[in-house]
Amino acid sequence: MSEPNVTREQRDGVAILTLNRPSAANSIDLPLARELMLAAIACDDDPEVRAVVLTGAGKMFCAGGDLRSFSGAGAAVASHLKELTSYLHAAISRLVRMDAPVIAAVNGMAAGAGFSLAAAADLVIAADTAGFVMAYTQAGLVPDGSSTFFLPRRIGDRRARELMLTNRRLSAAEALEWGLVNRVVPAERLLPEATALATTLAAGPTRALGAVKALLNESFEHGLEAQMELEARAIAAAAGTSDGREGVRAFLEKRKPEFTGR
């Protein structure tokens, strides 16, 4: 039986999803894209998953789309890519819209769709050996994987254009300076640091964290009054949850809250 292209481990409310094609630099072909979609759906539907870590096996985070499989599709490449992006985009949509925070633990080069996956994550921790490059136009292609949505929001339009048009490579240190990543750590500390952060988030008020994600993801789409109305509805809804009531009680009783994700 062949190895899964995406593995899933789960403990203490944290699901660790690992892109698992190290011999192919974790590049995304149809099977991997489909398995990532199914893994994202499983995490979204599992109330025990309260934080997600996404990383890569081996030395690379993800080299992007599997260009060898694109070439192998021949004249059917357009249909091939429509199917592949359907799976990939469904995976990203579930990860972005689930309540559980998603942390990208970038263990090596994040190129093309690998860069897009990192940009879509809520938080990014990078190994000091990591790097980032769009690389799409270098192969005569166009960015996908939500990067044209998230990169301008993360780092600004001018820098997003520079990365997409020139294929400039960013080191982990430069990515930190640009605001693309939250933290850079020694490579051997990457997964422990990411898991520790995920465990902390998993102990938090999951539905409130999901509402924060939703508000921020939509904040560029609305004017001031519309966004404040969404905020008002979100805080009112949060106050009526078990975690909202527990958080208020704990504050008044001067103790640490015990959130259940409900």
C-alpha atoms as a PDB file:
ATOM      1  CA  MET A   1       0.000   0.000   0.000  1.00  0.00           C
ATOM      2  CA  SER A   2       1.405   3.395  -1.003  1.00  0.00           C
ATOM      3  CA  GLU A   3       2.132   6.146   1.498  1.00  0.00           C
ATOM      4  CA  PRO A   4      -0.537   8.852   1.844  1.00  0.00           C
ATOM      5  CA  ASN A   5       0.277  12.118   0.106  1.00  0.00           C
ATOM      6  CA  VAL A   6      -1.041  14.038   3.129  1.00  0.00           C
ATOM      7  CA  THR A   7      -0.706  12.644   6.636  1.00  0.00           C
ATOM      8  CA  ARG A   8      -2.773  13.716   9.629  1.00  0.00           C
ATOM      9  CA  GLU A   9      -1.812  13.388  13.292  1.00  0.00           C
ATOM     10  CA  GLN A  10      -3.969  14.665  16.099  1.00  0.00           C
ATOM     11  CA  ARG A  11      -3.333  15.308  19.786  1.00  0.00           C
ATOM     12  CA  ASP A  12      -4.388  17.865  22.406  1.00  0.00           C
ATOM     13  CA  GLY A  13      -6.867  19.440  20.007  1.00  0.00           C
ATOM     14  CA  VAL A  14      -4.167  20.012  17.338  1.00  0.00           C
ATOM     15  CA  ALA A  15      -4.231  18.398  13.900  1.00  0.00           C
ATOM     16  CA  ILE A  16      -0.870  18.276  12.117  1.00  0.00           C
ATOM     17  CA  LEU A  17      -1.233  17.991   8.338  1.00  0.00           C
ATOM     18  CA  THR A  18       1.969  17.064   6.513  1.00  0.00           C
ATOM     19  CA  LEU A  19       2.440  17.253   2.758  1.00  0.00           C
ATOM     20  CA  ASN A  20       4.089  13.900   2.169  1.00  0.00           C
ATOM     21  CA  ARG A  21       5.774  13.706  -1.237  1.00  0.00           C
ATOM     22  CA  PRO A  22       9.339  14.471  -0.123  1.00  0.00           C
ATOM     23  CA  SER A  23      10.900  12.753  -3.151  1.00  0.00           C
ATOM     24  CA  ALA A  24       8.957  15.209  -5.354  1.00  0.00           C
ATOM     25  CA  ALA A  25       9.604  18.242  -3.106  1.00  0.00           C
ATOM     26  CA  ASN A  26       5.987  17.926  -1.874  1.00  0.00           C
ATOM     27  CA  SER A  27       4.813  19.277  -5.212  1.00  0.00           C
ATOM     28  CA  ILE A  28       1.061  19.252  -5.740  1.00  0.00           C
ATOM     29  CA  ASP A  29      -0.370  16.722  -8.165  1.00  0.00           C
ATOM     30  CA  LEU A  30      -3.980  15.554  -8.390  1.00  0.00           C
ATOM     31  CA  PRO A  31      -3.753  12.914  -5.623  1.00  0.00           C
ATOM     32  CA  LEU A  32      -2.081  15.301  -3.158  1.00  0.00           C
ATOM     33  CA  ALA A  33      -4.528  18.119  -3.904  1.00  0.00           C
ATOM     34  CA  ARG A  34      -7.477  15.802  -3.403  1.00  0.00           C
ATOM     35  CA  GLU A  35      -6.069  14.366  -0.162  1.00  0.00           C
ATOM     36  CA  LEU A  36      -5.384  17.869   1.157  1.00  0.00           C
ATOM     37  CA  MET A  37      -8.991  18.802   0.427  1.00  0.00           C
ATOM     38  CA  LEU A  38     -10.277  15.722   2.247  1.00  0.00           C
ATOM     39  CA  ALA A  39      -7.953  16.379   5.202  1.00  0.00           C
ATOM     40  CA  ALA A  40      -9.149  19.993   5.416  1.00  0.00           C
ATOM     41  CA  ILE A  41     -12.795  18.879   5.318  1.00  0.00           C
ATOM     42  CA  ALA A  42     -12.111  16.312   8.047  1.00  0.00           C
ATOM     43  CA  CYS A  43     -10.518  18.972  10.267  1.00  0.00           C
ATOM     44  CA  ASP A  44     -13.354  21.417   9.600  1.00  0.00           C
ATOM     45  CA  ASP A  45     -15.961  18.804  10.552  1.00  0.00           C
ATOM     46  CA  ASP A  46     -14.183  17.482  13.666  1.00  0.00           C
ATOM     47  CA  PRO A  47     -15.109  19.460  16.814  1.00  0.00           C
ATOM     48  CA  GLU A  48     -12.032  18.036  18.529  1.00  0.00           C
ATOM     49  CA  VAL A  49      -9.758  19.920  16.093  1.00  0.00           C
ATOM     50  CA  ARG A  50      -9.201  23.355  17.575  1.00  0.00           C
ATOM     51  CA  ALA A  51      -5.959  24.291  15.772  1.00  0.00           C
ATOM     52  CA  VAL A  52      -4.178  23.041  12.659  1.00  0.00           C
ATOM     53  CA  VAL A  53      -0.486  22.925  11.756  1.00  0.00           C
ATOM     54  CA  LEU A  54       0.407  22.560   8.063  1.00  0.00           C
ATOM     55  CA  THR A  55       3.968  21.513   7.199  1.00  0.00           C
ATOM     56  CA  GLY A  56       5.997  19.491   4.694  1.00  0.00           C
ATOM     57  CA  ALA A  57       7.931  16.242   4.917  1.00  0.00           C
ATOM     58  CA  GLY A  58      11.656  16.314   4.214  1.00  0.00           C
ATOM     59  CA  LYS A  59      13.645  19.398   3.267  1.00  0.00           C
ATOM     60  CA  MET A  60      10.959  21.316   1.350  1.00  0.00           C
ATOM     61  CA  PHE A  61       7.681  22.799   2.490  1.00  0.00           C
ATOM     62  CA  CYS A  62       6.130  22.637  -0.986  1.00  0.00           C
ATOM     63  CA  ALA A  63       7.584  23.260  -4.453  1.00  0.00           C
ATOM     64  CA  GLY A  64       4.177  24.249  -5.819  1.00  0.00           C
ATOM     65  CA  GLY A  65       2.361  22.521  -8.637  1.00  0.00           C
ATOM     66  CA  ASP A  66       3.854  19.330 -10.061  1.00  0.00           C
ATOM     67  CA  LEU A  67       4.978  20.614 -13.468  1.00  0.00           C
ATOM     68  CA  ARG A  68       5.877  17.096 -14.563  1.00  0.00           C
ATOM     69  CA  SER A  69       2.222  16.095 -14.148  1.00  0.00           C
ATOM     70  CA  PHE A  70       1.158  19.223 -16.053  1.00  0.00           C
ATOM     71  CA  SER A  71       3.390  18.190 -18.952  1.00  0.00           C
ATOM     72  CA  GLY A  72       2.111  14.628 -18.780  1.00  0.00           C
ATOM     73  CA  ALA A  73      -1.456  15.831 -19.248  1.00  0.00           C
ATOM     74  CA  GLY A  74      -0.584  16.910 -22.786  1.00  0.00           C
ATOM     75  CA  ALA A  75      -3.415  18.570 -24.682  1.00  0.00           C
ATOM     76  CA  ALA A  76      -5.715  18.025 -21.680  1.00  0.00           C
ATOM     77  CA  VAL A  77      -3.597  20.255 -19.417  1.00  0.00           C
ATOM     78  CA  ALA A  78      -6.313  22.902 -19.087  1.00  0.00           C
ATOM     79  CA  SER A  79      -8.840  20.331 -17.841  1.00  0.00           C
ATOM     80  CA  HIS A  80      -6.144  18.828 -15.623  1.00  0.00           C
ATOM     81  CA  LEU A  81      -5.468  22.176 -13.987  1.00  0.00           C
ATOM     82  CA  LYS A  82      -9.152  22.974 -13.529  1.00  0.00           C
ATOM     83  CA  GLU A  83      -9.546  19.711 -11.629  1.00  0.00           C
ATOM     84  CA  LEU A  84      -6.379  20.212  -9.584  1.00  0.00           C
ATOM     85  CA  THR A  85      -7.233  23.787  -8.599  1.00  0.00           C
ATOM     86  CA  SER A  86     -10.770  22.701  -7.688  1.00  0.00           C
ATOM     87  CA  TYR A  87      -9.297  20.376  -5.053  1.00  0.00           C
ATOM     88  CA  LEU A  88      -6.596  22.806  -3.927  1.00  0.00           C
ATOM     89  CA  HIS A  89      -8.937  25.771  -3.677  1.00  0.00           C
ATOM     90  CA  ALA A  90     -11.548  23.741  -1.798  1.00  0.00           C
ATOM     91  CA  ALA A  91      -8.828  22.759   0.702  1.00  0.00           C
ATOM     92  CA  ILE A  92      -7.740  26.369   1.178  1.00  0.00           C
ATOM     93  CA  SER A  93     -11.328  27.557   1.530  1.00  0.00           C
ATOM     94  CA  ARG A  94     -11.975  25.048   4.328  1.00  0.00           C
ATOM     95  CA  LEU A  95      -8.732  25.926   6.125  1.00  0.00           C
ATOM     96  CA  VAL A  96      -9.405  29.664   5.879  1.00  0.00           C
ATOM     97  CA  ARG A  97     -13.064  29.481   6.914  1.00  0.00           C
ATOM     98  CA  MET A  98     -12.854  26.899   9.709  1.00  0.00           C
ATOM     99  CA  ASP A  99     -12.932  28.230  13.255  1.00  0.00           C
ATOM    100  CA  ALA A 100      -9.639  26.544  14.161  1.00  0.00           C
ATOM    101  CA  PRO A 101      -6.571  28.757  13.576  1.00  0.00           C
ATOM    102  CA  VAL A 102      -4.181  27.411  10.930  1.00  0.00           C
ATOM    103  CA  ILE A 103      -0.417  27.692  11.406  1.00  0.00           C
ATOM    104  CA  ALA A 104       1.925  27.102   8.474  1.00  0.00           C
ATOM    105  CA  ALA A 105       5.208  25.612   9.705  1.00  0.00           C
ATOM    106  CA  VAL A 106       7.432  26.335   6.705  1.00  0.00           C
ATOM    107  CA  ASN A 107      10.334  23.911   6.927  1.00  0.00           C
ATOM    108  CA  GLY A 108      12.046  24.718   3.612  1.00  0.00           C
ATOM    109  CA  MET A 109      11.369  26.385   0.279  1.00  0.00           C
ATOM    110  CA  ALA A 110       7.745  27.457  -0.267  1.00  0.00           C
ATOM    111  CA  ALA A 111       7.391  27.985  -4.009  1.00  0.00           C
ATOM    112  CA  GLY A 112       4.356  28.649  -6.180  1.00  0.00           C
ATOM    113  CA  ALA A 113       1.296  27.077  -4.588  1.00  0.00           C
ATOM    114  CA  GLY A 114       3.432  26.292  -1.532  1.00  0.00           C
ATOM    115  CA  PHE A 115       3.921  30.029  -1.074  1.00  0.00           C
ATOM    116  CA  SER A 116       0.164  30.456  -1.604  1.00  0.00           C
ATOM    117  CA  LEU A 117      -0.615  27.916   1.128  1.00  0.00           C
ATOM    118  CA  ALA A 118       1.634  29.776   3.552  1.00  0.00           C
ATOM    119  CA  ALA A 119       0.075  33.136   2.670  1.00  0.00           C
ATOM    120  CA  ALA A 120      -3.415  31.760   3.308  1.00  0.00           C
ATOM    121  CA  ALA A 121      -2.548  30.501   6.803  1.00  0.00           C
ATOM    122  CA  ASP A 122      -3.541  32.541   9.849  1.00  0.00           C
ATOM    123  CA  LEU A 123      -0.024  32.465  11.282  1.00  0.00           C
ATOM    124  CA  VAL A 124       3.329  31.445   9.796  1.00  0.00           C
ATOM    125  CA  ILE A 125       6.408  30.158  11.581  1.00  0.00           C
ATOM    126  CA  ALA A 126       9.399  29.618   9.308  1.00  0.00           C
ATOM    127  CA  ALA A 127      12.616  27.695   9.791  1.00  0.00           C
ATOM    128  CA  ASP A 128      15.705  29.834   9.384  1.00  0.00           C
ATOM    129  CA  THR A 129      16.486  27.711   6.315  1.00  0.00           C
ATOM    130  CA  ALA A 130      13.134  28.461   4.645  1.00  0.00           C
ATOM    131  CA  GLY A 131      12.623  30.557   1.543  1.00  0.00           C
ATOM    132  CA  PHE A 132       9.709  31.935  -0.456  1.00  0.00           C
ATOM    133  CA  VAL A 133       9.261  32.464  -4.190  1.00  0.00           C
ATOM    134  CA  MET A 134       6.175  32.821  -6.375  1.00  0.00           C
ATOM    135  CA  ALA A 135       7.812  31.244  -9.469  1.00  0.00           C
ATOM    136  CA  TYR A 136       4.575  31.033 -11.492  1.00  0.00           C
ATOM    137  CA  THR A 137       5.459  33.459 -14.295  1.00  0.00           C
ATOM    138  CA  GLN A 138       8.928  31.919 -14.498  1.00  0.00           C
ATOM    139  CA  ALA A 139       7.129  28.868 -15.930  1.00  0.00           C
ATOM    140  CA  GLY A 140       4.760  30.988 -18.012  1.00  0.00           C
ATOM    141  CA  LEU A 141       1.925  30.433 -15.550  1.00  0.00           C
ATOM    142  CA  VAL A 142      -0.294  32.596 -13.323  1.00  0.00           C
ATOM    143  CA  PRO A 143      -0.615  32.554  -9.500  1.00  0.00           C
ATOM    144  CA  ASP A 144      -3.348  30.428  -7.926  1.00  0.00           C
ATOM    145  CA  GLY A 145      -4.074  29.024  -4.479  1.00  0.00           C
ATOM    146  CA  SER A 146      -5.560  32.333  -3.209  1.00  0.00           C
ATOM    147  CA  SER A 147      -2.239  34.209  -3.439  1.00  0.00           C
ATOM    148  CA  THR A 148      -3.683  37.109  -5.459  1.00  0.00           C
ATOM    149  CA  PHE A 149      -6.241  37.527  -2.656  1.00  0.00           C
ATOM    150  CA  PHE A 150      -4.061  37.095   0.418  1.00  0.00           C
ATOM    151  CA  LEU A 151      -0.632  38.421  -0.540  1.00  0.00           C
ATOM    152  CA  PRO A 152      -1.757  42.032  -1.154  1.00  0.00           C
ATOM    153  CA  ARG A 153      -3.572  41.890   2.186  1.00  0.00           C
ATOM    154  CA  ARG A 154      -0.563  40.467   4.025  1.00  0.00           C
ATOM    155  CA  ILE A 155       2.248  42.584   2.585  1.00  0.00           C
ATOM    156  CA  GLY A 156       0.657  45.249   0.382  1.00  0.00           C
ATOM    157  CA  ASP A 157      -0.017  45.551  -3.337  1.00  0.00           C
ATOM    158  CA  ARG A 158       3.415  46.828  -4.414  1.00  0.00           C
ATOM    159  CA  ARG A 159       5.337  44.029  -2.743  1.00  0.00           C
ATOM    160  CA  ALA A 160       2.860  41.411  -3.958  1.00  0.00           C
ATOM    161  CA  ARG A 161       3.319  42.658  -7.528  1.00  0.00           C
ATOM    162  CA  GLU A 162       7.096  42.552  -7.172  1.00  0.00           C
ATOM    163  CA  LEU A 163       7.027  38.942  -5.992  1.00  0.00           C
ATOM    164  CA  MET A 164       4.595  37.818  -8.704  1.00  0.00           C
ATOM    165  CA  LEU A 165       6.110  39.714 -11.631  1.00  0.00           C
ATOM    166  CA  THR A 166       9.837  39.302 -10.893  1.00  0.00           C
ATOM    167  CA  ASN A 167       9.882  35.987  -8.973  1.00  0.00           C
ATOM    168  CA  ARG A 168      12.138  37.538  -6.371  1.00  0.00           C
ATOM    169  CA  ARG A 169      13.150  35.045  -3.687  1.00  0.00           C
ATOM    170  CA  LEU A 170      12.751  35.958  -0.047  1.00  0.00           C
ATOM    171  CA  SER A 171      14.820  34.397   2.703  1.00  0.00           C
ATOM    172  CA  ALA A 172      13.134  33.604   5.986  1.00  0.00           C
ATOM    173  CA  ALA A 173      14.669  36.752   7.489  1.00  0.00           C
ATOM    174  CA  GLU A 174      13.365  38.915   4.621  1.00  0.00           C
ATOM    175  CA  ALA A 175       9.931  37.295   4.886  1.00  0.00           C
ATOM    176  CA  LEU A 176       9.866  38.250   8.570  1.00  0.00           C
ATOM    177  CA  GLU A 177      10.879  41.825   7.741  1.00  0.00           C
ATOM    178  CA  TRP A 178       8.139  42.041   5.100  1.00  0.00           C
ATOM    179  CA  GLY A 179       5.486  40.783   7.512  1.00  0.00           C
ATOM    180  CA  LEU A 180       4.891  37.560   5.592  1.00  0.00           C
ATOM    181  CA  VAL A 181       5.817  35.379   8.574  1.00  0.00           C
ATOM    182  CA  ASN A 182       5.290  35.858  12.290  1.00  0.00           C
ATOM    183  CA  ARG A 183       8.408  34.173  13.588  1.00  0.00           C
ATOM    184  CA  VAL A 184      11.667  32.604  12.369  1.00  0.00           C
ATOM    185  CA  VAL A 185      13.176  29.799  14.438  1.00  0.00           C
ATOM    186  CA  PRO A 186      16.080  27.351  14.091  1.00  0.00           C
ATOM    187  CA  ALA A 187      15.090  24.512  11.762  1.00  0.00           C
ATOM    188  CA  GLU A 188      15.282  21.895  14.514  1.00  0.00           C
ATOM    189  CA  ARG A 189      12.852  23.920  16.631  1.00  0.00           C
ATOM    190  CA  LEU A 190      10.247  24.530  13.917  1.00  0.00           C
ATOM    191  CA  LEU A 191       7.705  21.799  14.605  1.00  0.00           C
ATOM    192  CA  PRO A 192       7.975  22.023  18.417  1.00  0.00           C
ATOM    193  CA  GLU A 193       7.448  25.801  18.251  1.00  0.00           C
ATOM    194  CA  ALA A 194       4.526  25.517  15.834  1.00  0.00           C
ATOM    195  CA  THR A 195       2.919  22.733  17.854  1.00  0.00           C
ATOM    196  CA  ALA A 196       3.327  24.667  21.096  1.00  0.00           C
ATOM    197  CA  LEU A 197       1.632  27.699  19.567  1.00  0.00           C
ATOM    198  CA  ALA A 198      -1.143  25.524  18.132  1.00  0.00           C
ATOM    199  CA  THR A 199      -1.675  23.848  21.522  1.00  0.00           C
ATOM    200  CA  THR A 200      -2.045  27.261  23.170  1.00  0.00           C
ATOM    201  CA  LEU A 201      -4.572  28.335  20.533  1.00  0.00           C
ATOM    202  CA  ALA A 202      -6.415  25.003  20.815  1.00  0.00           C
ATOM    203  CA  ALA A 203      -7.074  25.782  24.479  1.00  0.00           C
ATOM    204  CA  GLY A 204      -8.731  29.056  23.512  1.00  0.00           C
ATOM    205  CA  PRO A 205     -12.330  30.030  22.663  1.00  0.00           C
ATOM    206  CA  THR A 206     -12.434  28.339  19.249  1.00  0.00           C
ATOM    207  CA  ARG A 207     -15.651  29.913  18.003  1.00  0.00           C
ATOM    208  CA  ALA A 208     -14.447  33.390  18.961  1.00  0.00           C
ATOM    209  CA  LEU A 209     -11.148  32.741  17.169  1.00  0.00           C
ATOM    210  CA  GLY A 210     -13.118  31.660  14.109  1.00  0.00           C
ATOM    211  CA  ALA A 211     -15.124  34.884  14.253  1.00  0.00           C
ATOM    212  CA  VAL A 212     -11.879  36.886  14.382  1.00  0.00           C
ATOM    213  CA  LYS A 213     -10.646  35.040  11.283  1.00  0.00           C
ATOM    214  CA  ALA A 214     -13.882  35.790   9.438  1.00  0.00           C
ATOM    215  CA  LEU A 215     -13.885  39.471  10.381  1.00  0.00           C
ATOM    216  CA  LEU A 216     -10.287  39.969   9.263  1.00  0.00           C
ATOM    217  CA  ASN A 217     -10.719  38.008   6.038  1.00  0.00           C
ATOM    218  CA  GLU A 218     -13.677  40.210   5.084  1.00  0.00           C
ATOM    219  CA  SER A 219     -12.373  43.521   6.394  1.00  0.00           C
ATOM    220  CA  PHE A 220     -11.173  44.750   2.996  1.00  0.00           C
ATOM    221  CA  GLU A 221     -14.567  44.065   1.440  1.00  0.00           C
ATOM    222  CA  HIS A 222     -16.690  46.478   3.505  1.00  0.00           C
ATOM    223  CA  GLY A 223     -16.899  50.109   4.423  1.00  0.00           C
ATOM    224  CA  LEU A 224     -16.509  51.259   8.043  1.00  0.00           C
ATOM    225  CA  GLU A 225     -20.138  51.076   9.114  1.00  0.00           C
ATOM    226  CA  ALA A 226     -20.712  47.682   7.472  1.00  0.00           C
ATOM    227  CA  GLN A 227     -17.612  46.258   9.138  1.00  0.00           C
ATOM    228  CA  MET A 228     -18.652  47.628  12.535  1.00  0.00           C
ATOM    229  CA  GLU A 229     -22.072  46.019  12.097  1.00  0.00           C
ATOM    230  CA  LEU A 230     -20.356  42.670  11.491  1.00  0.00           C
ATOM    231  CA  GLU A 231     -18.249  43.259  14.606  1.00  0.00           C
ATOM    232  CA  ALA A 232     -21.356  44.029  16.655  1.00  0.00           C
ATOM    233  CA  ARG A 233     -23.070  40.856  15.497  1.00  0.00           C
ATOM    234  CA  ALA A 234     -19.940  38.767  16.117  1.00  0.00           C
ATOM    235  CA  ILE A 235     -19.328  39.982  19.673  1.00  0.00           C
ATOM    236  CA  ALA A 236     -23.028  39.568  20.510  1.00  0.00           C
ATOM    237  CA  ALA A 237     -22.966  36.004  19.212  1.00  0.00           C
ATOM    238  CA  ALA A 238     -19.731  35.245  21.081  1.00  0.00           C
ATOM    239  CA  ALA A 239     -21.154  36.541  24.346  1.00  0.00           C
ATOM    240  CA  GLY A 240     -23.942  33.968  24.119  1.00  0.00           C
ATOM    241  CA  THR A 241     -21.624  30.959  23.718  1.00  0.00           C
ATOM    242  CA  SER A 242     -20.457  28.751  26.572  1.00  0.00           C
ATOM    243  CA  ASP A 243     -16.924  30.052  26.126  1.00  0.00           C
ATOM    244  CA  GLY A 244     -18.137  33.646  26.097  1.00  0.00           C
ATOM    245  CA  ARG A 245     -19.952  33.190  29.379  1.00  0.00           C
ATOM    246  CA  GLU A 246     -16.988  31.339  30.868  1.00  0.00           C
ATOM    247  CA  GLY A 247     -14.561  34.043  29.752  1.00  0.00           C
ATOM    248  CA  VAL A 248     -16.591  36.815  31.389  1.00  0.00           C
ATOM    249  CA  ARG A 249     -17.024  34.802  34.619  1.00  0.00           C
ATOM    250  CA  ALA A 250     -13.314  33.997  34.772  1.00  0.00           C
ATOM    251  CA  PHE A 251     -12.395  37.654  34.294  1.00  0.00           C
ATOM    252  CA  LEU A 252     -14.731  38.773  37.083  1.00  0.00           C
ATOM    253  CA  GLU A 253     -13.536  35.954  39.359  1.00  0.00           C
ATOM    254  CA  LYS A 254      -9.890  36.767  38.568  1.00  0.00           C
ATOM    255  CA  ARG A 255      -9.032  33.256  37.378  1.00  0.00           C
ATOM    256  CA  LYS A 256      -7.871  31.608  34.184  1.00  0.00           C
ATOM    257  CA  PRO A 257     -10.780  30.651  31.912  1.00  0.00           C
ATOM    258  CA  GLU A 258     -11.367  27.036  30.920  1.00  0.00           C
ATOM    259  CA  PHE A 259     -12.593  27.117  27.337  1.00  0.00           C
ATOM    260  CA  THR A 260     -14.206  24.108  25.650  1.00  0.00           C
ATOM    261  CA  GLY A 261     -14.520  25.423  22.095  1.00  0.00           C
ATOM    262  CA  ARG A 262     -18.293  25.734  22.433  1.00  0.00           C
END
